[in-house]
């Protein structure tokens, strides 16, 4: 299979929203249609484009009730894409995510001069910088591989212990972006702002959040306190 045209896929907001929902869990068609503000015909078109590009895979599965099998969609790739666009540089690369053993990376630009007297010196420095960039990409590949595994474990644990998909979607998005406004989550999840606030308050019972001035983020201090309490549990 050829490399998917990821930038064409990501250039459309509806497709980005559909991918955002699919990173929480596999979804059947009608559920996805209910989460974006376009017609079901448009959703079907976008899903078909992403499946054609190799971004998604689909399959049919029997539901819990009597009736026809539902068509489900799932993301078919595990890659990180990196791009640079400037007046002098344009390049992009896809990095396959998998088992990465890299624990440390050292980037050293101190020996590469900023000024050069010759063309050959410039070429040599550019080549050295590219070598340092390869180290950065290897480190990024390792970090994202570990985040991918950990997010999968978080989703499985949250669904097994709490079982609320909307709470999980809020947690998932906040973990990825750092913090989000209620309005942003309302648009992303296709929920009313009041519903987002209620679900965030419910989520706060399990994962400490700061919900203030229309913004939601992880409460790092309370999280550390809770972790400290867990580590001391059972001690005299």
Protein backbone atom coordinates (compact mmCIF):
# COMPACT_ATOMS: atom_id res chain seq x y z
CA UNK A 1 0.00 0.00 0.00
CA UNK A 2 1.28 3.47 -0.88
CA UNK A 3 1.80 6.13 1.79
CA UNK A 4 -1.55 7.82 2.59
CA UNK A 5 -1.91 11.49 1.68
CA UNK A 6 -2.16 12.48 5.33
CA UNK A 7 -2.11 16.23 4.72
CA UNK A 8 -5.00 15.97 2.27
CA UNK A 9 -6.91 13.99 4.91
CA UNK A 10 -6.12 16.44 7.71
CA UNK A 11 -6.92 19.45 5.55
CA UNK A 12 -10.65 18.92 6.17
CA UNK A 13 -12.17 19.72 9.59
CA UNK A 14 -14.87 17.05 9.36
CA UNK A 15 -12.24 14.38 8.72
CA UNK A 16 -10.17 15.69 11.62
CA UNK A 17 -13.22 15.50 13.89
CA UNK A 18 -14.01 11.97 12.74
CA UNK A 19 -10.43 10.87 13.42
CA UNK A 20 -10.61 12.51 16.85
CA UNK A 21 -13.63 10.38 17.76
CA UNK A 22 -12.03 7.26 16.34
CA UNK A 23 -8.94 7.74 18.50
CA UNK A 24 -11.20 7.24 21.52
CA UNK A 25 -12.67 3.97 20.27
CA UNK A 26 -13.86 2.16 17.17
CA UNK A 27 -17.21 3.60 16.10
CA UNK A 28 -20.17 2.49 14.05
CA UNK A 29 -21.47 4.73 11.29
CA UNK A 30 -24.56 6.22 12.95
CA UNK A 31 -22.57 7.12 16.08
CA UNK A 32 -19.98 8.96 14.01
CA UNK A 33 -22.73 10.75 12.09
CA UNK A 34 -24.22 11.99 15.36
CA UNK A 35 -20.89 13.51 16.44
CA UNK A 36 -20.29 15.85 13.50
CA UNK A 37 -22.43 18.67 12.14
CA UNK A 38 -22.79 17.45 8.56
CA UNK A 39 -25.21 15.10 6.81
CA UNK A 40 -24.85 11.34 6.97
CA UNK A 41 -24.18 11.39 3.21
CA UNK A 42 -21.21 13.72 3.77
CA UNK A 43 -19.93 11.54 6.62
CA UNK A 44 -20.10 8.46 4.38
CA UNK A 45 -18.10 10.33 1.72
CA UNK A 46 -15.38 11.37 4.17
CA UNK A 47 -15.14 7.86 5.62
CA UNK A 48 -14.84 6.41 2.12
CA UNK A 49 -12.00 8.83 1.28
CA UNK A 50 -10.08 7.91 4.44
CA UNK A 51 -10.62 4.20 3.85
CA UNK A 52 -9.41 4.57 0.26
CA UNK A 53 -6.25 6.32 1.51
CA UNK A 54 -5.58 3.52 3.99
CA UNK A 55 -6.21 5.66 7.08
CA UNK A 56 -9.30 3.67 8.14
CA UNK A 57 -10.51 0.10 7.93
CA UNK A 58 -14.13 -1.02 8.18
CA UNK A 59 -15.89 -4.24 9.07
CA UNK A 60 -19.34 -5.43 10.03
CA UNK A 61 -20.22 -6.76 13.47
CA UNK A 62 -23.40 -7.98 15.06
CA UNK A 63 -24.87 -5.60 17.62
CA UNK A 64 -26.21 -6.50 21.08
CA UNK A 65 -29.80 -6.45 19.82
CA UNK A 66 -31.67 -8.21 17.04
CA UNK A 67 -31.18 -6.46 13.72
CA UNK A 68 -28.73 -6.03 10.86
CA UNK A 69 -24.99 -6.00 11.54
CA UNK A 70 -23.44 -2.59 12.08
CA UNK A 71 -20.56 -1.26 10.03
CA UNK A 72 -17.68 -0.21 12.27
CA UNK A 73 -14.65 1.93 11.49
CA UNK A 74 -11.22 1.84 13.08
CA UNK A 75 -7.93 3.65 12.42
CA UNK A 76 -5.62 1.44 10.35
CA UNK A 77 -2.24 3.14 10.83
CA UNK A 78 0.14 3.92 13.70
CA UNK A 79 2.41 6.70 12.51
CA UNK A 80 3.68 10.15 13.46
CA UNK A 81 3.96 12.69 10.66
CA UNK A 82 6.50 15.52 10.81
CA UNK A 83 6.63 18.42 8.38
CA UNK A 84 8.56 21.66 7.90
CA UNK A 85 7.40 24.41 5.54
CA UNK A 86 9.51 27.59 5.17
CA UNK A 87 10.68 29.74 2.23
CA UNK A 88 13.73 27.45 2.03
CA UNK A 89 12.62 24.09 3.45
CA UNK A 90 9.76 21.80 2.64
CA UNK A 91 9.87 18.18 3.72
CA UNK A 92 7.74 15.68 5.58
CA UNK A 93 8.12 12.16 6.83
CA UNK A 94 5.99 9.47 8.40
CA UNK A 95 7.47 7.65 11.38
CA UNK A 96 6.18 4.16 12.15
CA UNK A 97 5.23 3.70 15.79
CA UNK A 98 6.04 0.41 17.47
CA UNK A 99 8.35 -1.06 20.05
CA UNK A 100 11.11 1.50 20.60
CA UNK A 101 13.93 0.88 23.08
CA UNK A 102 15.42 4.39 22.99
CA UNK A 103 15.65 5.80 26.53
CA UNK A 104 17.91 8.82 26.07
CA UNK A 105 18.83 11.17 23.25
CA UNK A 106 21.52 13.85 23.22
CA UNK A 107 21.31 16.68 20.72
CA UNK A 108 24.48 18.79 20.37
CA UNK A 109 24.59 21.80 18.05
CA UNK A 110 27.50 23.51 19.80
CA UNK A 111 30.12 22.28 17.31
CA UNK A 112 28.21 23.40 14.24
CA UNK A 113 29.15 26.99 13.27
CA UNK A 114 26.56 29.67 12.53
CA UNK A 115 28.79 31.51 10.02
CA UNK A 116 30.67 29.97 7.09
CA UNK A 117 33.34 31.15 4.66
CA UNK A 118 32.67 28.63 1.90
CA UNK A 119 29.89 26.74 0.17
CA UNK A 120 31.46 23.42 1.15
CA UNK A 121 31.43 24.50 4.80
CA UNK A 122 27.72 25.31 4.54
CA UNK A 123 26.96 21.93 2.96
CA UNK A 124 28.96 20.14 5.65
CA UNK A 125 27.11 21.97 8.46
CA UNK A 126 23.74 21.26 6.86
CA UNK A 127 24.66 17.59 6.67
CA UNK A 128 25.63 17.59 10.36
CA UNK A 129 22.38 19.33 11.33
CA UNK A 130 20.46 16.68 9.42
CA UNK A 131 22.23 14.02 11.46
CA UNK A 132 21.15 15.78 14.66
CA UNK A 133 17.60 16.00 13.29
CA UNK A 134 17.60 12.23 12.82
CA UNK A 135 18.28 11.88 16.55
CA UNK A 136 15.30 14.16 17.29
CA UNK A 137 13.08 12.07 15.01
CA UNK A 138 14.21 8.83 16.69
CA UNK A 139 13.43 10.37 20.09
CA UNK A 140 10.02 11.58 18.89
CA UNK A 141 9.30 8.12 17.49
CA UNK A 142 10.13 6.52 20.86
CA UNK A 143 8.07 9.05 22.85
CA UNK A 144 5.01 8.69 20.63
CA UNK A 145 5.28 4.91 20.65
CA UNK A 146 5.15 4.92 24.43
CA UNK A 147 2.31 7.48 24.52
CA UNK A 148 0.34 5.32 22.08
CA UNK A 149 0.68 2.25 24.32
CA UNK A 150 -0.15 4.21 27.47
CA UNK A 151 -3.22 5.89 25.96
CA UNK A 152 -4.52 2.48 24.92
CA UNK A 153 -4.08 1.25 28.50
CA UNK A 154 -5.79 4.38 29.92
CA UNK A 155 -8.81 3.87 27.65
CA UNK A 156 -9.12 0.19 28.50
CA UNK A 157 -8.81 0.82 32.25
CA UNK A 158 -11.25 3.76 32.22
CA UNK A 159 -13.89 1.87 30.28
CA UNK A 160 -13.49 -1.21 32.47
CA UNK A 161 -13.65 0.71 35.78
CA UNK A 162 -15.91 3.71 35.00
CA UNK A 163 -17.46 2.91 31.63
CA UNK A 164 -18.45 6.44 30.52
CA UNK A 165 -17.41 7.13 26.93
CA UNK A 166 -18.08 10.88 27.10
CA UNK A 167 -15.93 11.30 30.19
CA UNK A 168 -13.22 9.28 28.46
CA UNK A 169 -13.45 11.49 25.36
CA UNK A 170 -12.92 14.61 27.51
CA UNK A 171 -9.97 13.02 29.33
CA UNK A 172 -8.48 11.81 26.05
CA UNK A 173 -8.66 15.26 24.45
CA UNK A 174 -7.27 17.09 27.49
CA UNK A 175 -4.36 14.66 27.78
CA UNK A 176 -3.49 15.31 24.14
CA UNK A 177 -3.83 19.13 24.05
CA UNK A 178 -3.01 20.07 27.66
CA UNK A 179 -6.15 22.11 28.29
CA UNK A 180 -9.37 22.84 26.45
CA UNK A 181 -12.22 25.29 26.68
CA UNK A 182 -15.77 24.12 27.29
CA UNK A 183 -16.72 25.66 23.95
CA UNK A 184 -13.95 23.72 22.19
CA UNK A 185 -15.03 20.44 23.78
CA UNK A 186 -18.67 21.22 22.98
CA UNK A 187 -17.75 21.61 19.31
CA UNK A 188 -15.44 18.60 19.31
CA UNK A 189 -17.88 16.22 20.98
CA UNK A 190 -21.05 17.73 19.49
CA UNK A 191 -22.52 18.30 22.98
CA UNK A 192 -24.12 21.28 24.67
CA UNK A 193 -21.74 23.27 26.86
CA UNK A 194 -23.85 22.42 29.92
CA UNK A 195 -23.44 18.71 29.13
CA UNK A 196 -19.68 19.11 28.81
CA UNK A 197 -19.49 20.78 32.23
CA UNK A 198 -21.58 18.03 33.86
CA UNK A 199 -19.41 15.30 32.34
CA UNK A 200 -16.21 17.13 33.31
CA UNK A 201 -17.42 17.39 36.90
CA UNK A 202 -18.16 13.66 36.90
CA UNK A 203 -14.72 12.97 35.44
CA UNK A 204 -13.15 15.05 38.23
CA UNK A 205 -14.23 12.36 40.71
CA UNK A 206 -11.76 9.96 39.09
CA UNK A 207 -9.08 12.18 37.53
CA UNK A 208 -8.47 15.56 39.23
CA UNK A 209 -9.28 18.52 37.00
CA UNK A 210 -9.21 22.30 37.21
CA UNK A 211 -12.52 23.59 35.82
CA UNK A 212 -12.34 27.38 35.86
CA UNK A 213 -13.35 30.29 33.64
CA UNK A 214 -14.59 27.95 30.92
CA UNK A 215 -11.31 26.03 30.73
CA UNK A 216 -10.61 22.43 31.74
CA UNK A 217 -7.20 20.90 32.40
CA UNK A 218 -5.52 18.27 34.58
CA UNK A 219 -4.92 19.44 38.17
CA UNK A 220 -1.29 18.37 38.51
CA UNK A 221 -1.01 19.19 42.21
CA UNK A 222 -4.06 17.14 43.21
CA UNK A 223 -2.92 14.37 40.87
CA UNK A 224 0.45 14.20 42.67
CA UNK A 225 -1.31 14.22 46.03
CA UNK A 226 -3.57 11.33 44.98
CA UNK A 227 -0.58 9.37 43.66
CA UNK A 228 1.23 10.01 46.94
CA UNK A 229 -1.77 8.68 48.82
CA UNK A 230 -1.81 5.55 46.67
CA UNK A 231 1.89 4.92 47.21
CA UNK A 232 1.46 5.26 50.99
CA UNK A 233 -1.65 3.11 51.15
CA UNK A 234 -1.30 0.23 53.57
CA UNK A 235 1.70 1.70 55.41
CA UNK A 236 1.65 1.96 59.21
